Amino acid sequence: MSRQILTSTLLVLPIAFVTLEACSTFESSDTSADAGVGGDGSIGKEDAPTTGDASTACPPLQPFCDGGVELSCPGLEGRCLFFCPSALSHDNAQANCAAWGGCLLGVQDAPRLNCVRMASQTVPSSGVVVDLVQDAAAKAQREGWGPSCPGAPQPTSIMWGPNEPDDGNDAGAENHVQQCAFFTPAGILADNACGTKFVYVCDRPR
């Protein structure tokens, strides 16, 4: 069955079932954290979604996600990216991506950051959870953030939204209530409780 790739609109088609072994391979792309990102956090025209190289087919996301849609994002043509419209907590979404052989899409470089921001602004939802969590020992709101995926590189910089992360309070105190990150529908990177359910994007090598 043919698979639709998300460009500027979202198409959902059923995908055949497949069983995969977990894959720990993590391949980095452009590590320039600010490439293609405007000062206001916007995505330039060169970063708009396009149709990627489909010469090597990506394995379908089912049975780990119903209605998964393949994404194509600039700078990530060698990756398999699937948007899953079923909202899950961070840990459950990460587990589904791992069962598929990948990880939650992170924000460790500009192509990934732009891709997940595009998904958050394209898909009607409450937000898109990303592979960015805070260490339980952190003493400050912007301290101790990094990927939970094994082997994923640490972001060189994290482009939080205004007054984010706030840990659910305006006092500036770290109280360990919100230790997972997501993109809001407005494309803003913010923190939230890890048990909050969001849609997500899985990422793995082709």
N, C-alpha and C. Protein backbone atom coordinates (compact mmCIF):
# COMPACT_ATOMS: atom_id res chain seq x y z
N MET A 1 0.86 -1.20 0.00
CA MET A 1 0.00 0.00 0.00
C MET A 1 0.88 1.24 0.00
N SER A 2 0.56 2.24 -0.79
CA SER A 2 1.38 3.45 -0.85
C SER A 2 1.24 4.24 0.44
N ARG A 3 2.28 5.01 0.75
CA ARG A 3 2.29 5.81 1.96
C ARG A 3 2.32 7.27 1.58
N GLN A 4 1.51 8.09 2.24
CA GLN A 4 1.51 9.51 2.00
C GLN A 4 2.55 10.18 2.88
N ILE A 5 3.22 11.21 2.35
CA ILE A 5 4.21 11.96 3.09
C ILE A 5 3.64 13.34 3.39
N LEU A 6 3.79 13.78 4.64
CA LEU A 6 3.26 15.08 5.04
C LEU A 6 4.13 16.18 4.46
N THR A 7 3.51 17.05 3.69
CA THR A 7 4.24 18.22 3.21
C THR A 7 3.65 19.43 3.94
N SER A 8 2.67 20.10 3.35
CA SER A 8 2.05 21.22 4.04
C SER A 8 0.72 20.86 4.66
N THR A 9 0.21 19.66 4.36
CA THR A 9 -1.04 19.21 4.95
C THR A 9 -0.85 17.83 5.51
N LEU A 10 -1.79 17.39 6.32
CA LEU A 10 -1.69 16.10 6.98
C LEU A 10 -2.66 15.12 6.34
N LEU A 11 -2.13 13.96 5.93
CA LEU A 11 -2.96 12.91 5.37
C LEU A 11 -2.75 11.66 6.19
N VAL A 12 -3.82 10.99 6.55
CA VAL A 12 -3.72 9.79 7.37
C VAL A 12 -4.26 8.62 6.59
N LEU A 13 -3.42 7.59 6.41
CA LEU A 13 -3.83 6.38 5.71
C LEU A 13 -3.46 5.18 6.54
N PRO A 14 -4.21 4.09 6.46
CA PRO A 14 -3.83 2.88 7.18
C PRO A 14 -2.53 2.32 6.63
N ILE A 15 -1.73 1.71 7.50
CA ILE A 15 -0.43 1.19 7.12
C ILE A 15 -0.34 -0.26 7.57
N ALA A 16 0.30 -1.11 6.78
CA ALA A 16 0.39 -2.53 7.11
C ALA A 16 1.15 -2.76 8.40
N PHE A 17 0.82 -3.85 9.10
CA PHE A 17 1.47 -4.17 10.35
C PHE A 17 2.88 -4.69 10.10
N VAL A 18 3.79 -4.42 11.06
CA VAL A 18 5.17 -4.89 10.96
C VAL A 18 5.73 -5.03 12.36
N THR A 19 6.64 -5.94 12.57
CA THR A 19 7.30 -6.09 13.85
C THR A 19 8.78 -5.84 13.64
N LEU A 20 9.39 -5.00 14.49
CA LEU A 20 10.78 -4.61 14.34
C LEU A 20 11.54 -4.84 15.63
N GLU A 21 12.85 -5.06 15.49
CA GLU A 21 13.73 -5.09 16.65
C GLU A 21 14.11 -3.65 16.98
N ALA A 22 14.36 -3.37 18.25
CA ALA A 22 14.77 -2.03 18.66
C ALA A 22 16.12 -1.69 18.05
N CYS A 23 16.28 -0.45 17.65
CA CYS A 23 17.52 0.01 17.02
C CYS A 23 18.12 1.11 17.87
N SER A 24 19.39 0.97 18.25
CA SER A 24 20.03 1.96 19.10
C SER A 24 20.85 2.96 18.30
N THR A 25 20.89 2.80 16.97
CA THR A 25 21.69 3.69 16.14
C THR A 25 21.11 5.09 16.15
N PHE A 26 21.97 6.08 16.40
CA PHE A 26 21.53 7.46 16.36
C PHE A 26 22.50 8.22 15.48
N GLU A 27 21.97 8.79 14.39
CA GLU A 27 22.80 9.54 13.47
C GLU A 27 22.46 11.01 13.56
N SER A 28 23.46 11.83 13.81
CA SER A 28 23.24 13.26 13.92
C SER A 28 23.24 13.90 12.54
N SER A 29 22.59 15.08 12.46
CA SER A 29 22.64 15.84 11.22
C SER A 29 23.28 17.17 11.53
N ASP A 30 22.81 18.25 10.93
CA ASP A 30 23.38 19.56 11.16
C ASP A 30 23.33 19.91 12.63
N THR A 31 24.47 20.20 13.23
CA THR A 31 24.51 20.50 14.65
C THR A 31 24.44 21.98 14.94
N SER A 32 24.24 22.81 13.95
CA SER A 32 24.11 24.24 14.17
C SER A 32 22.73 24.52 14.72
N ALA A 33 22.67 24.89 16.01
CA ALA A 33 21.38 25.00 16.69
C ALA A 33 20.53 26.13 16.16
N ASP A 34 21.15 27.12 15.47
CA ASP A 34 20.39 28.27 15.04
C ASP A 34 20.14 28.30 13.54
N ALA A 35 20.63 27.28 12.81
CA ALA A 35 20.48 27.28 11.36
C ALA A 35 19.01 27.23 10.96
N GLY A 36 18.60 28.19 10.10
CA GLY A 36 17.25 28.17 9.58
C GLY A 36 16.19 28.65 10.55
N VAL A 37 16.59 29.15 11.73
CA VAL A 37 15.64 29.60 12.73
C VAL A 37 15.77 31.09 12.89
N GLY A 38 14.69 31.82 12.68
CA GLY A 38 14.74 33.26 12.80
C GLY A 38 14.85 33.72 14.23
N GLY A 39 15.14 34.99 14.43
CA GLY A 39 15.27 35.53 15.78
C GLY A 39 13.99 35.42 16.57
N ASP A 40 12.86 35.36 15.88
CA ASP A 40 11.59 35.22 16.57
C ASP A 40 11.18 33.76 16.72
N GLY A 41 12.10 32.84 16.37
CA GLY A 41 11.79 31.42 16.48
C GLY A 41 11.06 30.88 15.27
N SER A 42 10.88 31.70 14.22
CA SER A 42 10.15 31.24 13.05
C SER A 42 11.03 30.42 12.13
N ILE A 43 10.42 29.68 11.23
CA ILE A 43 11.13 28.85 10.28
C ILE A 43 11.19 29.58 8.95
N GLY A 44 12.39 29.67 8.34
CA GLY A 44 12.54 30.33 7.06
C GLY A 44 11.95 29.50 5.94
N LYS A 45 11.80 30.11 4.75
CA LYS A 45 11.23 29.41 3.61
C LYS A 45 12.02 28.17 3.24
N GLU A 46 13.38 28.24 3.47
CA GLU A 46 14.19 27.09 3.12
C GLU A 46 13.93 25.90 4.01
N ASP A 47 13.20 26.11 5.11
CA ASP A 47 12.92 25.03 6.05
C ASP A 47 11.49 24.52 5.94
N ALA A 48 10.73 24.99 4.95
CA ALA A 48 9.37 24.51 4.79
C ALA A 48 9.38 23.03 4.43
N PRO A 49 8.35 22.27 4.83
CA PRO A 49 8.31 20.84 4.53
C PRO A 49 8.36 20.56 3.04
N THR A 50 9.11 19.58 2.65
CA THR A 50 9.20 19.18 1.25
C THR A 50 9.14 17.67 1.16
N THR A 51 9.00 17.16 -0.04
CA THR A 51 9.00 15.72 -0.24
C THR A 51 10.44 15.22 -0.24
N GLY A 52 10.77 14.30 0.66
CA GLY A 52 12.13 13.81 0.80
C GLY A 52 12.42 12.64 -0.12
N ASP A 53 13.63 12.08 0.05
CA ASP A 53 14.06 10.95 -0.75
C ASP A 53 13.37 9.69 -0.27
N ALA A 54 12.52 9.12 -1.11
CA ALA A 54 11.77 7.93 -0.73
C ALA A 54 12.35 6.68 -1.38
N SER A 55 13.63 6.77 -1.85
CA SER A 55 14.22 5.63 -2.54
C SER A 55 14.38 4.43 -1.61
N THR A 56 14.55 4.69 -0.33
CA THR A 56 14.61 3.63 0.66
C THR A 56 13.38 3.73 1.54
N ALA A 57 12.50 2.77 1.46
CA ALA A 57 11.23 2.85 2.18
C ALA A 57 11.45 2.73 3.69
N CYS A 58 10.71 3.52 4.43
CA CYS A 58 10.75 3.45 5.89
C CYS A 58 9.78 2.38 6.37
N PRO A 59 10.11 1.66 7.43
CA PRO A 59 9.17 0.68 7.97
C PRO A 59 7.96 1.39 8.55
N PRO A 60 6.76 0.86 8.35
CA PRO A 60 5.56 1.50 8.90
C PRO A 60 5.58 1.51 10.42
N LEU A 61 4.87 2.46 10.98
CA LEU A 61 4.88 2.65 12.44
C LEU A 61 3.93 1.71 13.15
N GLN A 62 2.94 1.17 12.46
CA GLN A 62 2.06 0.18 13.10
C GLN A 62 2.84 -1.10 13.36
N PRO A 63 2.53 -1.86 14.40
CA PRO A 63 1.37 -1.71 15.29
C PRO A 63 1.59 -0.79 16.48
N PHE A 64 2.69 -0.03 16.45
CA PHE A 64 3.01 0.82 17.58
C PHE A 64 2.21 2.11 17.60
N CYS A 65 1.62 2.47 16.47
CA CYS A 65 0.81 3.68 16.38
C CYS A 65 -0.22 3.50 15.28
N ASP A 66 -1.48 3.77 15.57
CA ASP A 66 -2.52 3.73 14.55
C ASP A 66 -2.58 5.08 13.83
N GLY A 67 -2.61 5.03 12.51
CA GLY A 67 -2.74 6.25 11.74
C GLY A 67 -1.47 7.07 11.62
N GLY A 68 -0.30 6.42 11.77
CA GLY A 68 0.96 7.14 11.65
C GLY A 68 1.15 7.71 10.25
N VAL A 69 1.70 8.91 10.16
CA VAL A 69 1.91 9.59 8.89
C VAL A 69 3.40 9.93 8.74
N GLU A 70 3.97 9.57 7.60
CA GLU A 70 5.37 9.86 7.37
C GLU A 70 5.58 11.35 7.13
N LEU A 71 6.64 11.90 7.76
CA LEU A 71 7.00 13.30 7.56
C LEU A 71 8.24 13.39 6.69
N SER A 72 8.39 14.52 6.03
CA SER A 72 9.61 14.81 5.29
C SER A 72 10.05 16.21 5.65
N CYS A 73 11.26 16.33 6.21
CA CYS A 73 11.73 17.63 6.69
C CYS A 73 13.11 17.94 6.13
N PRO A 74 13.37 19.18 5.74
CA PRO A 74 14.68 19.56 5.22
C PRO A 74 15.80 19.24 6.19
N GLY A 75 16.88 18.69 5.66
CA GLY A 75 18.03 18.34 6.48
C GLY A 75 17.94 16.97 7.12
N LEU A 76 16.79 16.31 6.99
CA LEU A 76 16.59 14.99 7.61
C LEU A 76 16.17 13.96 6.56
N GLU A 77 16.65 14.15 5.33
CA GLU A 77 16.24 13.26 4.24
C GLU A 77 16.68 11.82 4.46
N GLY A 78 17.73 11.60 5.24
CA GLY A 78 18.20 10.25 5.52
C GLY A 78 17.55 9.62 6.73
N ARG A 79 16.51 10.25 7.26
CA ARG A 79 15.85 9.76 8.45
C ARG A 79 14.44 9.26 8.11
N CYS A 80 13.92 8.36 8.92
CA CYS A 80 12.52 7.97 8.88
C CYS A 80 11.82 8.73 9.99
N LEU A 81 10.82 9.49 9.65
CA LEU A 81 10.09 10.33 10.61
C LEU A 81 8.61 10.03 10.48
N PHE A 82 7.98 9.65 11.57
CA PHE A 82 6.55 9.37 11.55
C PHE A 82 5.85 10.16 12.65
N PHE A 83 4.81 10.87 12.24
CA PHE A 83 3.95 11.54 13.20
C PHE A 83 2.88 10.56 13.67
N CYS A 84 2.65 10.51 14.99
CA CYS A 84 1.61 9.65 15.55
C CYS A 84 0.54 10.52 16.19
N PRO A 85 -0.71 10.43 15.74
CA PRO A 85 -1.78 11.28 16.26
C PRO A 85 -2.39 10.79 17.57
N SER A 86 -1.93 9.65 18.08
CA SER A 86 -2.45 9.12 19.35
C SER A 86 -1.67 9.74 20.51
N ALA A 87 -2.33 10.57 21.32
CA ALA A 87 -1.65 11.26 22.41
C ALA A 87 -1.24 10.29 23.51
N LEU A 88 0.03 10.40 23.93
CA LEU A 88 0.58 9.56 24.98
C LEU A 88 1.47 10.39 25.90
N SER A 89 1.76 9.86 27.08
CA SER A 89 2.74 10.49 27.96
C SER A 89 4.12 10.37 27.33
N HIS A 90 5.08 11.15 27.83
CA HIS A 90 6.43 11.10 27.28
C HIS A 90 6.99 9.68 27.30
N ASP A 91 6.90 9.00 28.44
CA ASP A 91 7.51 7.67 28.57
C ASP A 91 6.85 6.65 27.64
N ASN A 92 5.53 6.71 27.50
CA ASN A 92 4.84 5.76 26.63
C ASN A 92 5.12 6.05 25.16
N ALA A 93 5.20 7.33 24.80
CA ALA A 93 5.54 7.69 23.43
C ALA A 93 6.97 7.24 23.11
N GLN A 94 7.88 7.45 24.04
CA GLN A 94 9.26 7.02 23.83
C GLN A 94 9.34 5.50 23.68
N ALA A 95 8.55 4.78 24.46
CA ALA A 95 8.54 3.31 24.38
C ALA A 95 8.03 2.85 23.02
N ASN A 96 7.00 3.51 22.49
CA ASN A 96 6.49 3.15 21.16
C ASN A 96 7.53 3.40 20.08
N CYS A 97 8.21 4.54 20.17
CA CYS A 97 9.26 4.84 19.18
C CYS A 97 10.39 3.83 19.27
N ALA A 98 10.76 3.42 20.49
CA ALA A 98 11.83 2.44 20.67
C ALA A 98 11.43 1.09 20.10
N ALA A 99 10.16 0.71 20.28
CA ALA A 99 9.69 -0.56 19.74
C ALA A 99 9.74 -0.57 18.21
N TRP A 100 9.61 0.60 17.60
CA TRP A 100 9.69 0.77 16.15
C TRP A 100 11.14 0.79 15.67
N GLY A 101 12.07 0.95 16.61
CA GLY A 101 13.48 1.01 16.27
C GLY A 101 14.04 2.41 16.28
N GLY A 102 13.37 3.34 16.94
CA GLY A 102 13.83 4.72 16.94
C GLY A 102 13.66 5.39 18.29
N CYS A 103 13.50 6.68 18.26
CA CYS A 103 13.34 7.50 19.46
C CYS A 103 12.36 8.63 19.17
N LEU A 104 11.87 9.24 20.23
CA LEU A 104 11.13 10.49 20.04
C LEU A 104 12.02 11.49 19.33
N LEU A 105 11.44 12.29 18.46
CA LEU A 105 12.19 13.33 17.79
C LEU A 105 12.64 14.36 18.82
N GLY A 106 13.93 14.68 18.80
CA GLY A 106 14.48 15.63 19.76
C GLY A 106 14.68 17.01 19.15
N VAL A 107 15.43 17.84 19.86
CA VAL A 107 15.68 19.22 19.43
C VAL A 107 17.16 19.53 19.47
N GLN A 108 18.01 18.52 19.25
CA GLN A 108 19.44 18.72 19.40
C GLN A 108 20.12 19.41 18.23
N ASP A 109 19.41 19.62 17.14
CA ASP A 109 19.96 20.40 16.03
C ASP A 109 18.81 21.11 15.31
N ALA A 110 19.18 22.04 14.42
CA ALA A 110 18.17 22.86 13.75
C ALA A 110 17.18 22.06 12.90
N PRO A 111 17.63 21.06 12.10
CA PRO A 111 16.64 20.33 11.30
C PRO A 111 15.58 19.63 12.15
N ARG A 112 15.98 19.03 13.25
CA ARG A 112 15.00 18.35 14.11
C ARG A 112 14.10 19.36 14.81
N LEU A 113 14.69 20.43 15.31
CA LEU A 113 13.89 21.46 15.98
C LEU A 113 12.85 22.02 15.02
N ASN A 114 13.26 22.34 13.80
CA ASN A 114 12.32 22.89 12.83
C ASN A 114 11.25 21.89 12.44
N CYS A 115 11.64 20.61 12.35
CA CYS A 115 10.69 19.57 11.94
C CYS A 115 9.59 19.40 12.98
N VAL A 116 9.97 19.29 14.24
CA VAL A 116 8.95 19.08 15.27
C VAL A 116 8.12 20.34 15.48
N ARG A 117 8.72 21.52 15.28
CA ARG A 117 7.94 22.75 15.38
C ARG A 117 6.91 22.79 14.24
N MET A 118 7.33 22.39 13.04
CA MET A 118 6.40 22.33 11.90
C MET A 118 5.22 21.42 12.22
N ALA A 119 5.53 20.24 12.81
CA ALA A 119 4.47 19.30 13.14
C ALA A 119 3.51 19.90 14.17
N SER A 120 4.05 20.62 15.15
CA SER A 120 3.19 21.19 16.20
C SER A 120 2.26 22.26 15.65
N GLN A 121 2.69 22.95 14.60
CA GLN A 121 1.88 24.02 14.03
C GLN A 121 0.95 23.53 12.92
N THR A 122 1.21 22.33 12.40
CA THR A 122 0.42 21.80 11.31
C THR A 122 -0.73 20.94 11.79
N VAL A 123 -0.49 20.18 12.85
CA VAL A 123 -1.44 19.19 13.32
C VAL A 123 -2.33 19.76 14.41
N PRO A 124 -3.65 19.70 14.27
CA PRO A 124 -4.53 20.17 15.34
C PRO A 124 -4.36 19.30 16.58
N SER A 125 -3.77 19.85 17.62
CA SER A 125 -3.54 19.08 18.85
C SER A 125 -3.21 20.04 19.96
N SER A 126 -2.98 19.50 21.15
CA SER A 126 -2.60 20.32 22.29
C SER A 126 -1.10 20.54 22.33
N GLY A 127 -0.36 19.85 21.47
CA GLY A 127 1.09 20.00 21.45
C GLY A 127 1.76 18.70 21.05
N VAL A 128 3.08 18.78 20.80
CA VAL A 128 3.87 17.63 20.39
C VAL A 128 5.01 17.43 21.39
N VAL A 129 5.04 16.28 22.05
CA VAL A 129 6.09 16.00 23.02
C VAL A 129 7.39 15.70 22.29
N VAL A 130 8.53 16.10 22.88
CA VAL A 130 9.84 15.90 22.26
C VAL A 130 10.76 15.16 23.22
N ASP A 131 11.87 14.66 22.68
CA ASP A 131 12.85 13.95 23.50
C ASP A 131 13.75 14.94 24.23
N LEU A 132 13.20 15.52 25.28
CA LEU A 132 13.94 16.47 26.11
C LEU A 132 13.36 16.40 27.52
N VAL A 133 14.16 15.93 28.46
CA VAL A 133 13.71 15.75 29.84
C VAL A 133 14.70 16.40 30.79
N GLN A 134 14.23 16.69 31.99
CA GLN A 134 15.07 17.33 33.01
C GLN A 134 15.52 16.31 34.04
N ASP A 135 16.80 16.39 34.40
CA ASP A 135 17.34 15.51 35.43
C ASP A 135 16.65 15.77 36.76
N ALA A 136 16.35 14.70 37.47
CA ALA A 136 15.64 14.83 38.75
C ALA A 136 16.44 15.61 39.79
N ALA A 137 17.74 15.70 39.61
CA ALA A 137 18.59 16.39 40.59
C ALA A 137 18.76 17.87 40.27
N ALA A 138 18.13 18.36 39.21
CA ALA A 138 18.28 19.76 38.81
C ALA A 138 17.83 20.70 39.92
N LYS A 139 18.58 21.79 40.09
CA LYS A 139 18.27 22.78 41.12
C LYS A 139 17.66 24.06 40.57
N ALA A 140 17.69 24.21 39.25
CA ALA A 140 17.14 25.41 38.62
C ALA A 140 16.30 25.00 37.42
N GLN A 141 15.38 25.88 36.99
CA GLN A 141 14.41 25.52 35.96
C GLN A 141 15.06 25.23 34.61
N ARG A 142 16.17 25.86 34.29
CA ARG A 142 16.83 25.61 33.00
C ARG A 142 18.05 24.70 33.14
N GLU A 143 18.16 24.05 34.23
CA GLU A 143 19.30 23.17 34.50
C GLU A 143 18.93 21.71 34.25
N GLY A 144 19.88 20.94 33.73
CA GLY A 144 19.74 19.50 33.66
C GLY A 144 18.86 18.96 32.56
N TRP A 145 18.63 19.72 31.50
CA TRP A 145 17.79 19.25 30.39
C TRP A 145 18.63 18.52 29.35
N GLY A 146 18.11 17.39 28.86
CA GLY A 146 18.81 16.63 27.84
C GLY A 146 17.92 15.52 27.30
N PRO A 147 18.39 14.82 26.27
CA PRO A 147 17.59 13.74 25.67
C PRO A 147 17.54 12.50 26.56
N SER A 148 16.47 11.74 26.44
CA SER A 148 16.36 10.47 27.16
C SER A 148 16.71 9.30 26.27
N CYS A 149 16.81 9.52 24.96
CA CYS A 149 17.13 8.45 24.02
C CYS A 149 18.59 8.04 24.17
N PRO A 150 18.89 6.75 24.32
CA PRO A 150 20.28 6.30 24.43
C PRO A 150 21.11 6.70 23.21
N GLY A 151 22.25 7.33 23.45
CA GLY A 151 23.14 7.70 22.37
C GLY A 151 22.85 9.04 21.71
N ALA A 152 21.75 9.68 22.08
CA ALA A 152 21.41 10.97 21.48
C ALA A 152 22.34 12.06 22.02
N PRO A 153 22.88 12.91 21.16
CA PRO A 153 23.77 13.97 21.62
C PRO A 153 23.04 15.05 22.41
N GLN A 154 23.75 15.70 23.30
CA GLN A 154 23.20 16.79 24.08
C GLN A 154 23.03 18.02 23.19
N PRO A 155 21.88 18.71 23.27
CA PRO A 155 21.72 19.93 22.47
C PRO A 155 22.77 20.96 22.85
N THR A 156 23.31 21.67 21.85
CA THR A 156 24.27 22.71 22.15
C THR A 156 23.59 23.93 22.76
N SER A 157 22.34 24.13 22.42
CA SER A 157 21.53 25.18 23.03
C SER A 157 20.07 24.76 22.90
N ILE A 158 19.24 25.24 23.81
CA ILE A 158 17.82 24.90 23.80
C ILE A 158 17.03 26.19 23.65
N MET A 159 16.24 26.27 22.61
CA MET A 159 15.51 27.49 22.30
C MET A 159 14.14 27.49 22.97
N TRP A 160 14.12 27.75 24.27
CA TRP A 160 12.87 27.80 25.02
C TRP A 160 12.04 29.00 24.60
N GLY A 161 10.73 28.87 24.80
CA GLY A 161 9.85 30.01 24.58
C GLY A 161 10.01 31.03 25.68
N PRO A 162 9.41 32.21 25.54
CA PRO A 162 9.50 33.25 26.57
C PRO A 162 9.01 32.73 27.93
N ASN A 163 9.81 32.97 28.96
CA ASN A 163 9.50 32.57 30.34
C ASN A 163 9.38 31.06 30.51
N GLU A 164 9.98 30.32 29.61
CA GLU A 164 10.00 28.86 29.71
C GLU A 164 11.45 28.37 29.88
N PRO A 165 11.62 27.25 30.55
CA PRO A 165 10.62 26.47 31.30
C PRO A 165 10.26 27.17 32.60
N ASP A 166 9.02 26.99 33.06
CA ASP A 166 8.58 27.68 34.28
C ASP A 166 8.20 26.73 35.40
N ASP A 167 8.24 25.43 35.12
CA ASP A 167 7.92 24.42 36.13
C ASP A 167 6.54 24.64 36.76
N GLY A 168 5.65 25.27 36.00
CA GLY A 168 4.28 25.46 36.47
C GLY A 168 4.11 26.55 37.49
N ASN A 169 5.12 27.42 37.67
CA ASN A 169 4.97 28.51 38.63
C ASN A 169 5.70 29.74 38.12
N ASP A 170 5.32 30.90 38.65
CA ASP A 170 5.92 32.17 38.23
C ASP A 170 7.01 32.64 39.19
N ALA A 171 7.28 31.86 40.22
CA ALA A 171 8.25 32.29 41.23
C ALA A 171 9.68 32.02 40.81
N GLY A 172 9.88 31.23 39.75
CA GLY A 172 11.23 30.93 39.31
C GLY A 172 11.89 29.81 40.07
N ALA A 173 11.13 29.13 40.92
CA ALA A 173 11.70 28.06 41.73
C ALA A 173 11.55 26.71 41.04
N GLU A 174 12.54 25.85 41.17
CA GLU A 174 12.47 24.50 40.61
C GLU A 174 11.79 23.59 41.62
N ASN A 175 10.63 23.04 41.23
CA ASN A 175 9.90 22.16 42.15
C ASN A 175 9.67 20.77 41.56
N HIS A 176 10.32 20.47 40.41
CA HIS A 176 10.29 19.13 39.82
C HIS A 176 8.89 18.65 39.46
N VAL A 177 8.02 19.59 39.07
CA VAL A 177 6.66 19.23 38.67
C VAL A 177 6.59 19.01 37.16
N GLN A 178 7.29 19.84 36.40
CA GLN A 178 7.25 19.76 34.94
C GLN A 178 8.67 19.46 34.43
N GLN A 179 8.91 18.20 34.08
CA GLN A 179 10.28 17.80 33.71
C GLN A 179 10.36 17.15 32.32
N CYS A 180 9.34 17.39 31.50
CA CYS A 180 9.38 16.97 30.10
C CYS A 180 9.03 18.17 29.23
N ALA A 181 9.49 18.15 27.97
CA ALA A 181 9.30 19.29 27.09
C ALA A 181 8.36 18.95 25.93
N PHE A 182 7.70 19.97 25.43
CA PHE A 182 6.81 19.80 24.27
C PHE A 182 6.75 21.10 23.50
N PHE A 183 6.30 21.02 22.24
CA PHE A 183 6.04 22.20 21.45
C PHE A 183 4.55 22.48 21.49
N THR A 184 4.18 23.71 21.82
CA THR A 184 2.79 24.12 21.83
C THR A 184 2.28 24.26 20.40
N PRO A 185 0.96 24.37 20.20
CA PRO A 185 0.42 24.59 18.85
C PRO A 185 0.94 25.88 18.20
N ALA A 186 1.44 26.80 19.03
CA ALA A 186 2.00 28.05 18.50
C ALA A 186 3.48 27.89 18.15
N GLY A 187 4.02 26.68 18.32
CA GLY A 187 5.42 26.44 17.99
C GLY A 187 6.39 26.90 19.05
N ILE A 188 5.95 26.95 20.31
CA ILE A 188 6.79 27.39 21.42
C ILE A 188 7.25 26.18 22.23
N LEU A 189 8.55 26.10 22.50
CA LEU A 189 9.08 25.02 23.33
C LEU A 189 8.85 25.35 24.80
N ALA A 190 8.16 24.47 25.51
CA ALA A 190 7.81 24.70 26.90
C ALA A 190 7.92 23.39 27.68
N ASP A 191 7.83 23.49 29.00
CA ASP A 191 7.87 22.30 29.84
C ASP A 191 6.47 21.94 30.31
N ASN A 192 6.29 20.66 30.67
CA ASN A 192 5.02 20.19 31.20
C ASN A 192 5.28 18.92 31.99
N ALA A 193 4.27 18.49 32.73
CA ALA A 193 4.41 17.24 33.48
C ALA A 193 4.60 16.08 32.53
N CYS A 194 5.48 15.15 32.88
CA CYS A 194 5.80 14.04 31.98
C CYS A 194 4.62 13.11 31.74
N GLY A 195 3.64 13.12 32.62
CA GLY A 195 2.47 12.29 32.44
C GLY A 195 1.41 12.89 31.53
N THR A 196 1.58 14.16 31.14
CA THR A 196 0.64 14.80 30.24
C THR A 196 0.72 14.15 28.86
N LYS A 197 -0.42 13.93 28.24
CA LYS A 197 -0.46 13.23 26.96
C LYS A 197 -0.44 14.21 25.78
N PHE A 198 0.51 13.96 24.87
CA PHE A 198 0.63 14.75 23.66
C PHE A 198 0.82 13.81 22.47
N VAL A 199 0.57 14.33 21.28
CA VAL A 199 0.93 13.58 20.08
C VAL A 199 2.45 13.63 19.96
N TYR A 200 3.02 12.84 19.05
CA TYR A 200 4.49 12.76 19.01
C TYR A 200 5.00 12.37 17.63
N VAL A 201 6.31 12.51 17.45
CA VAL A 201 6.99 12.15 16.21
C VAL A 201 8.14 11.20 16.55
N CYS A 202 8.19 10.06 15.85
CA CYS A 202 9.28 9.10 16.02
C CYS A 202 10.33 9.31 14.94
N ASP A 203 11.59 9.06 15.30
CA ASP A 203 12.73 9.32 14.42
C ASP A 203 13.67 8.12 14.44
N ARG A 204 14.11 7.67 13.27
CA ARG A 204 15.09 6.58 13.19
C ARG A 204 15.82 6.66 11.85
N PRO A 205 16.98 6.01 11.73
CA PRO A 205 17.65 5.99 10.43
C PRO A 205 16.85 5.21 9.41
N ARG A 206 17.00 5.56 8.12
CA ARG A 206 16.37 4.78 7.05
C ARG A 206 17.06 3.43 6.96
